[in-house]
Amino acid sequence: MQTKILLSVFLFCTATFSFAQKANKNSEVPQKPEKAWKCTGVVGLNASAVGLWNWAEGGSPSANGVIFANVNLLYKKNKIAWESNFNSDFGLLYTDNSTFAWRNSNDKIIFNTKLGYAIAKTWYITAMGSFRSQYAKGYEYITKNGIDSRNYISKWLSPSFTNLSLGIDWKPNAIFSIYLAPIAGQIISATDSIHRLRYGVSPNKTNKSSFGLSFKGGINYDRVKNLKLMTSVSLFTPYTPAFGKFNVDWDFAISYQFLKVLNVTLSTTLKYYDDILIADKTGALAPRTQFKTMFGVGIGYSF
């Protein structure tokens, strides 16, 4: 399974490299000097509702709302390049005639920042930090023999993932970047003891730290009016005891704004962590690929 994920990542890097080369060629056309600070992104609210009255085919009335933000802030002047990204969403789902009517449909906080110093035209010595967690308590919902139940599986800082690294960043243009760090550390935290084994943390500790190799590639494309495309892939593997077993985080988001205030958005998240154990239908625990997608039409603003 991990081989398939890494193959997908390789294809992503190959495609984005080709994309960057074309974008770099296009950027050779004389343009107005860019400002030192540049802020781009999309924020908005997606909502949906289903109402049923005397509906013969069954079903339950429901409503779902998701507030989201994906914002990039870039500073580039002389030999200094500083780039930060905040990617977050939170959603609630209400389903009538359910034991647990209110549920979290989306919940994530991702913050990345990297500061680089140019050593050549498009190469930077760079320090990077990132943080991932969530806002509220998370549950796994189970229906067995017609009885609904739920398992408490996560909350704020349980788990959280913090990465710090030092490496080389290649920025051929304002759209694309690749970062490789041979000096990288990852901290997995679980403040609630009930979650520690699930996320690979010892029961008597609040966190687990690893030292290894990190890679990150990303695209932030906004050259087409009203269209935003943002994607990034992050890999981390510890030097010991299992070098070559990669933790994978891959986020993708595309949005199109029309009629000034309406947005169509599609976002996906793929994760694979060797330390995180997920149960299958039989209850067997093992590392597994996690995937989530969100599509919505709602009120939004792109900038």
Protein backbone atom coordinates (compact mmCIF):
# COMPACT_ATOMS: atom_id res chain seq x y z
CA MET A 1 0.00 0.00 0.00
CA GLN A 2 2.78 2.42 0.92
CA THR A 3 4.48 1.69 -2.43
CA LYS A 4 1.30 2.77 -4.25
CA ILE A 5 1.19 5.97 -2.20
CA LEU A 6 4.84 6.80 -2.93
CA LEU A 7 4.27 6.04 -6.62
CA SER A 8 1.39 8.52 -6.61
CA VAL A 9 3.65 11.07 -4.91
CA PHE A 10 6.36 10.46 -7.53
CA LEU A 11 3.84 11.05 -10.32
CA PHE A 12 2.72 14.21 -8.54
CA CYS A 13 6.31 15.49 -8.36
CA THR A 14 6.94 14.64 -12.02
CA ALA A 15 3.79 16.40 -13.15
CA THR A 16 4.42 19.44 -11.00
CA PHE A 17 8.03 19.67 -12.19
CA SER A 18 6.77 19.79 -15.79
CA PHE A 19 4.16 22.34 -14.73
CA ALA A 20 6.84 24.49 -13.09
CA GLN A 21 9.07 24.39 -16.16
CA LYS A 22 6.23 25.66 -18.35
CA ALA A 23 5.28 28.30 -15.82
CA ASN A 24 8.90 29.39 -15.55
CA LYS A 25 9.16 29.76 -19.32
CA ASN A 26 6.00 31.85 -19.34
CA SER A 27 7.36 34.01 -16.55
CA GLU A 28 10.30 35.03 -18.77
CA VAL A 29 7.95 37.42 -20.58
CA PRO A 30 8.61 40.96 -19.22
CA GLN A 31 6.17 41.70 -16.40
CA LYS A 32 5.63 44.42 -13.86
CA PRO A 33 7.87 44.07 -10.77
CA GLU A 34 6.13 42.04 -8.11
CA LYS A 35 5.53 43.46 -4.64
CA ALA A 36 7.56 42.12 -1.74
CA TRP A 37 4.42 40.90 0.07
CA LYS A 38 1.84 38.73 -1.64
CA CYS A 39 -1.26 37.22 -0.04
CA THR A 40 -3.50 34.75 -1.88
CA GLY A 41 -6.16 32.29 -0.83
CA VAL A 42 -9.80 31.45 -0.46
CA VAL A 43 -12.19 31.65 2.51
CA GLY A 44 -15.85 30.74 2.62
CA LEU A 45 -18.82 28.75 3.83
CA ASN A 46 -20.42 25.72 2.17
CA ALA A 47 -23.85 24.57 3.31
CA SER A 48 -26.43 21.99 2.27
CA ALA A 49 -29.75 20.72 3.60
CA VAL A 50 -32.15 17.87 2.84
CA GLY A 51 -35.79 18.01 3.90
CA LEU A 52 -38.19 15.04 3.68
CA TRP A 53 -41.93 14.93 4.23
CA ASN A 54 -43.90 11.70 3.75
CA TRP A 55 -41.03 10.40 1.63
CA ALA A 56 -41.83 6.81 0.61
CA GLU A 57 -38.23 5.87 -0.22
CA GLY A 58 -37.00 6.62 3.29
CA GLY A 59 -34.09 8.71 4.50
CA SER A 60 -33.57 11.36 7.16
CA PRO A 61 -33.64 15.16 7.03
CA SER A 62 -30.11 16.52 7.37
CA ALA A 63 -28.06 19.68 7.21
CA ASN A 64 -24.33 20.26 6.80
CA GLY A 65 -22.23 23.41 7.03
CA VAL A 66 -18.48 23.82 6.57
CA ILE A 67 -16.43 26.97 7.11
CA PHE A 68 -13.00 26.89 5.49
CA ALA A 69 -9.88 28.95 4.82
CA ASN A 70 -6.74 28.32 2.79
CA VAL A 71 -4.44 31.34 2.86
CA ASN A 72 -0.86 31.85 1.64
CA LEU A 73 1.37 34.75 2.67
CA LEU A 74 4.63 35.23 0.78
CA TYR A 75 7.43 37.72 1.36
CA LYS A 76 10.27 37.83 -1.14
CA LYS A 77 12.86 40.60 -1.35
CA ASN A 78 16.57 40.54 -2.14
CA LYS A 79 17.84 37.23 -0.72
CA ILE A 80 15.06 36.62 1.78
CA ALA A 81 12.00 34.46 1.07
CA TRP A 82 9.41 33.80 3.77
CA GLU A 83 6.29 31.78 3.01
CA SER A 84 3.45 30.79 5.34
CA ASN A 85 0.25 28.83 4.76
CA PHE A 86 -2.84 28.39 6.94
CA ASN A 87 -5.26 25.66 5.85
CA SER A 88 -8.24 24.96 8.06
CA ASP A 89 -11.87 23.91 8.05
CA PHE A 90 -14.59 23.01 10.52
CA GLY A 91 -17.97 21.51 9.69
CA LEU A 92 -21.05 20.25 11.51
CA LEU A 93 -23.53 17.67 10.26
CA TYR A 94 -27.05 17.30 11.65
CA THR A 95 -29.05 14.16 10.91
CA ASP A 96 -32.59 13.77 12.20
CA ASN A 97 -33.77 10.48 13.73
CA SER A 98 -30.23 9.58 14.84
CA THR A 99 -28.89 8.75 18.30
CA PHE A 100 -26.05 11.19 17.70
CA ALA A 101 -27.74 13.91 15.65
CA TRP A 102 -24.83 16.39 15.69
CA ARG A 103 -21.50 15.25 14.31
CA ASN A 104 -18.28 16.86 13.11
CA SER A 105 -18.05 16.49 9.34
CA ASN A 106 -14.75 18.38 8.93
CA ASP A 107 -12.11 19.43 11.44
CA LYS A 108 -8.49 20.32 10.69
CA ILE A 109 -5.81 22.90 11.43
CA ILE A 110 -2.67 22.98 9.30
CA PHE A 111 -0.02 25.69 9.58
CA ASN A 112 3.28 25.76 7.64
CA THR A 113 5.98 28.41 7.57
CA LYS A 114 9.44 28.46 6.00
CA LEU A 115 12.16 31.10 5.95
CA GLY A 116 14.88 30.95 3.30
CA TYR A 117 18.09 32.74 2.38
CA ALA A 118 19.15 32.70 -1.29
CA ILE A 119 22.46 31.04 -2.14
CA ALA A 120 21.80 31.04 -5.91
CA LYS A 121 19.16 32.39 -8.28
CA THR A 122 16.44 29.90 -7.35
CA TRP A 123 18.01 28.02 -4.41
CA TYR A 124 17.57 28.82 -0.74
CA ILE A 125 18.88 27.51 2.57
CA THR A 126 15.62 27.16 4.44
CA ALA A 127 14.26 26.46 7.92
CA MET A 128 10.71 25.15 8.05
CA GLY A 129 8.14 24.44 10.74
CA SER A 130 4.66 22.92 10.51
CA PHE A 131 1.80 22.02 12.85
CA ARG A 132 -1.32 19.85 12.40
CA SER A 133 -4.20 19.21 14.78
CA GLN A 134 -7.96 19.80 15.14
CA TYR A 135 -10.42 22.00 17.06
CA ALA A 136 -12.94 19.69 18.73
CA LYS A 137 -13.42 16.14 19.98
CA GLY A 138 -13.64 13.50 17.26
CA TYR A 139 -15.64 10.29 17.32
CA GLU A 140 -15.85 7.07 15.33
CA TYR A 141 -19.52 6.15 14.78
CA ILE A 142 -20.61 2.51 14.70
CA THR A 143 -24.02 0.95 14.03
CA LYS A 144 -24.36 -2.71 15.01
CA ASN A 145 -27.59 -4.69 15.25
CA GLY A 146 -29.53 -1.46 14.82
CA ILE A 147 -27.81 0.18 17.82
CA ASP A 148 -25.72 3.34 17.34
CA SER A 149 -22.56 3.84 19.37
CA ARG A 150 -19.46 5.99 19.15
CA ASN A 151 -15.81 5.80 20.18
CA TYR A 152 -13.94 8.89 21.34
CA ILE A 153 -10.77 8.93 19.18
CA SER A 154 -9.29 12.45 19.05
CA LYS A 155 -9.35 16.07 20.24
CA TRP A 156 -7.23 19.26 20.22
CA LEU A 157 -3.54 18.25 20.62
CA SER A 158 -4.47 14.60 20.73
CA PRO A 159 -3.06 13.98 18.28
CA SER A 160 -0.96 16.84 16.96
CA PHE A 161 2.00 16.68 14.57
CA THR A 162 4.84 19.19 14.78
CA ASN A 163 7.73 19.21 12.28
CA LEU A 164 10.94 21.27 12.36
CA SER A 165 13.60 20.99 9.67
CA LEU A 166 16.57 22.60 7.92
CA GLY A 167 17.32 22.02 4.25
CA ILE A 168 17.42 23.29 0.68
CA ASP A 169 14.45 24.91 -1.08
CA TRP A 170 14.17 25.25 -4.87
CA LYS A 171 11.86 28.06 -6.05
CA PRO A 172 11.97 28.36 -9.86
CA ASN A 173 9.00 30.77 -9.77
CA ALA A 174 6.22 32.08 -7.54
CA ILE A 175 4.03 29.06 -8.34
CA PHE A 176 6.13 26.03 -7.48
CA SER A 177 8.64 24.91 -4.84
CA ILE A 178 10.47 21.75 -3.73
CA TYR A 179 12.07 21.41 -0.30
CA LEU A 180 14.46 18.67 0.88
CA ALA A 181 15.68 18.56 4.48
CA PRO A 182 18.24 16.00 5.67
CA ILE A 183 17.90 17.49 9.16
CA ALA A 184 14.31 17.06 10.29
CA GLY A 185 12.43 16.26 13.47
CA GLN A 186 8.85 15.19 14.02
CA ILE A 187 6.89 15.27 17.29
CA ILE A 188 3.61 13.34 17.62
CA SER A 189 1.67 14.46 20.69
CA ALA A 190 -1.29 12.89 22.47
CA THR A 191 -2.22 14.80 25.62
CA ASP A 192 -5.09 12.42 26.43
CA SER A 193 -3.74 9.07 27.64
CA ILE A 194 -6.64 7.17 26.06
CA HIS A 195 -5.35 8.06 22.59
CA ARG A 196 -1.62 7.39 22.96
CA LEU A 197 -1.39 3.80 21.74
CA ARG A 198 -3.63 4.64 18.76
CA TYR A 199 -1.16 7.32 17.62
CA GLY A 200 2.08 5.51 18.41
CA VAL A 201 2.86 7.31 21.68
CA SER A 202 3.92 5.43 24.81
CA PRO A 203 1.17 5.27 27.48
CA ASN A 204 3.37 7.00 30.07
CA LYS A 205 4.42 9.86 27.76
CA THR A 206 2.60 12.74 26.07
CA ASN A 207 4.65 12.72 22.87
CA LYS A 208 6.94 10.76 20.60
CA SER A 209 9.85 12.39 18.74
CA SER A 210 11.72 11.17 15.66
CA PHE A 211 14.75 12.43 13.74
CA GLY A 212 14.90 11.87 10.02
CA LEU A 213 14.54 13.08 6.42
CA SER A 214 11.80 15.41 5.18
CA PHE A 215 10.51 16.38 1.72
CA LYS A 216 7.85 18.88 0.69
CA GLY A 217 6.56 19.95 -2.73
CA GLY A 218 3.86 22.49 -3.46
CA ILE A 219 1.96 24.50 -6.05
CA ASN A 220 0.08 27.76 -5.54
CA TYR A 221 -1.44 28.69 -8.92
CA ASP A 222 -3.53 31.82 -9.44
CA ARG A 223 -2.69 32.92 -13.00
CA VAL A 224 -6.25 32.32 -14.29
CA LYS A 225 -8.83 34.88 -13.19
CA ASN A 226 -11.12 33.63 -10.39
CA LEU A 227 -9.35 30.25 -10.28
CA LYS A 228 -7.18 29.10 -7.35
CA LEU A 229 -5.27 25.82 -7.22
CA MET A 230 -3.24 24.91 -4.15
CA THR A 231 -1.64 21.57 -3.44
CA SER A 232 1.20 20.29 -1.29
CA VAL A 233 2.71 16.93 -0.41
CA SER A 234 4.87 16.30 2.66
CA LEU A 235 6.94 13.19 3.40
CA PHE A 236 8.88 12.24 6.52
CA THR A 237 10.88 9.12 7.30
CA PRO A 238 12.90 8.52 10.51
CA TYR A 239 16.54 7.50 10.19
CA THR A 240 15.97 4.85 12.87
CA PRO A 241 14.51 2.36 13.47
CA ALA A 242 12.60 2.21 10.15
CA PHE A 243 14.24 4.36 7.48
CA GLY A 244 12.17 4.24 4.27
CA LYS A 245 8.79 4.02 5.99
CA PHE A 246 7.30 7.38 5.03
CA ASN A 247 4.59 9.38 6.73
CA VAL A 248 2.57 11.07 3.98
CA ASP A 249 0.40 14.21 4.03
CA TRP A 250 -1.11 15.31 0.71
CA ASP A 251 -3.55 18.20 0.50
CA PHE A 252 -5.25 19.49 -2.64
CA ALA A 253 -7.72 22.34 -3.09
CA ILE A 254 -9.19 24.04 -6.14
CA SER A 255 -11.79 26.79 -6.16
CA TYR A 256 -13.54 28.91 -8.74
CA GLN A 257 -15.34 32.13 -7.89
CA PHE A 258 -18.27 33.39 -9.93
CA LEU A 259 -20.84 36.16 -9.50
CA LYS A 260 -18.28 37.77 -7.13
CA VAL A 261 -19.46 35.98 -3.97
CA LEU A 262 -20.22 32.36 -4.96
CA ASN A 263 -17.53 29.71 -4.85
CA VAL A 264 -17.25 26.15 -6.10
CA THR A 265 -14.59 24.28 -4.10
CA LEU A 266 -13.09 20.82 -4.18
CA SER A 267 -10.58 19.71 -1.58
CA THR A 268 -9.00 16.36 -0.76
CA THR A 269 -6.69 15.11 1.97
CA LEU A 270 -4.65 11.91 1.89
CA LYS A 271 -2.69 10.68 4.90
CA TYR A 272 -0.58 7.68 5.75
CA TYR A 273 1.21 7.41 9.11
CA ASP A 274 3.07 4.26 10.02
CA ASP A 275 2.50 4.96 13.73
CA ILE A 276 -1.26 5.46 13.52
CA LEU A 277 -3.29 2.27 13.87
CA ILE A 278 -6.79 2.11 12.36
CA ALA A 279 -9.24 -0.75 12.81
CA ASP A 280 -10.87 -2.48 9.84
CA LYS A 281 -14.32 -4.13 9.84
CA THR A 282 -12.97 -7.08 11.82
CA GLY A 283 -11.36 -4.85 14.44
CA ALA A 284 -7.78 -5.58 13.35
CA LEU A 285 -5.46 -2.62 13.95
CA ALA A 286 -2.88 -1.60 11.32
CA PRO A 287 -1.51 1.50 9.56
CA ARG A 288 -3.94 2.42 6.78
CA THR A 289 -4.36 5.04 4.07
CA GLN A 290 -6.73 7.81 5.13
CA PHE A 291 -8.59 9.83 2.49
CA LYS A 292 -11.17 12.58 2.73
CA THR A 293 -12.82 14.72 0.06
CA MET A 294 -15.07 17.76 0.26
CA PHE A 295 -17.04 19.34 -2.59
CA GLY A 296 -19.28 22.31 -2.11
CA VAL A 297 -20.96 25.38 -3.52
CA GLY A 298 -21.31 28.29 -1.17
CA ILE A 299 -20.41 31.82 -0.23
CA GLY A 300 -16.72 32.51 -0.59
CA TYR A 301 -14.05 35.01 -1.43
CA SER A 302 -10.85 34.44 -3.39
CA PHE A 303 -7.94 36.86 -3.26
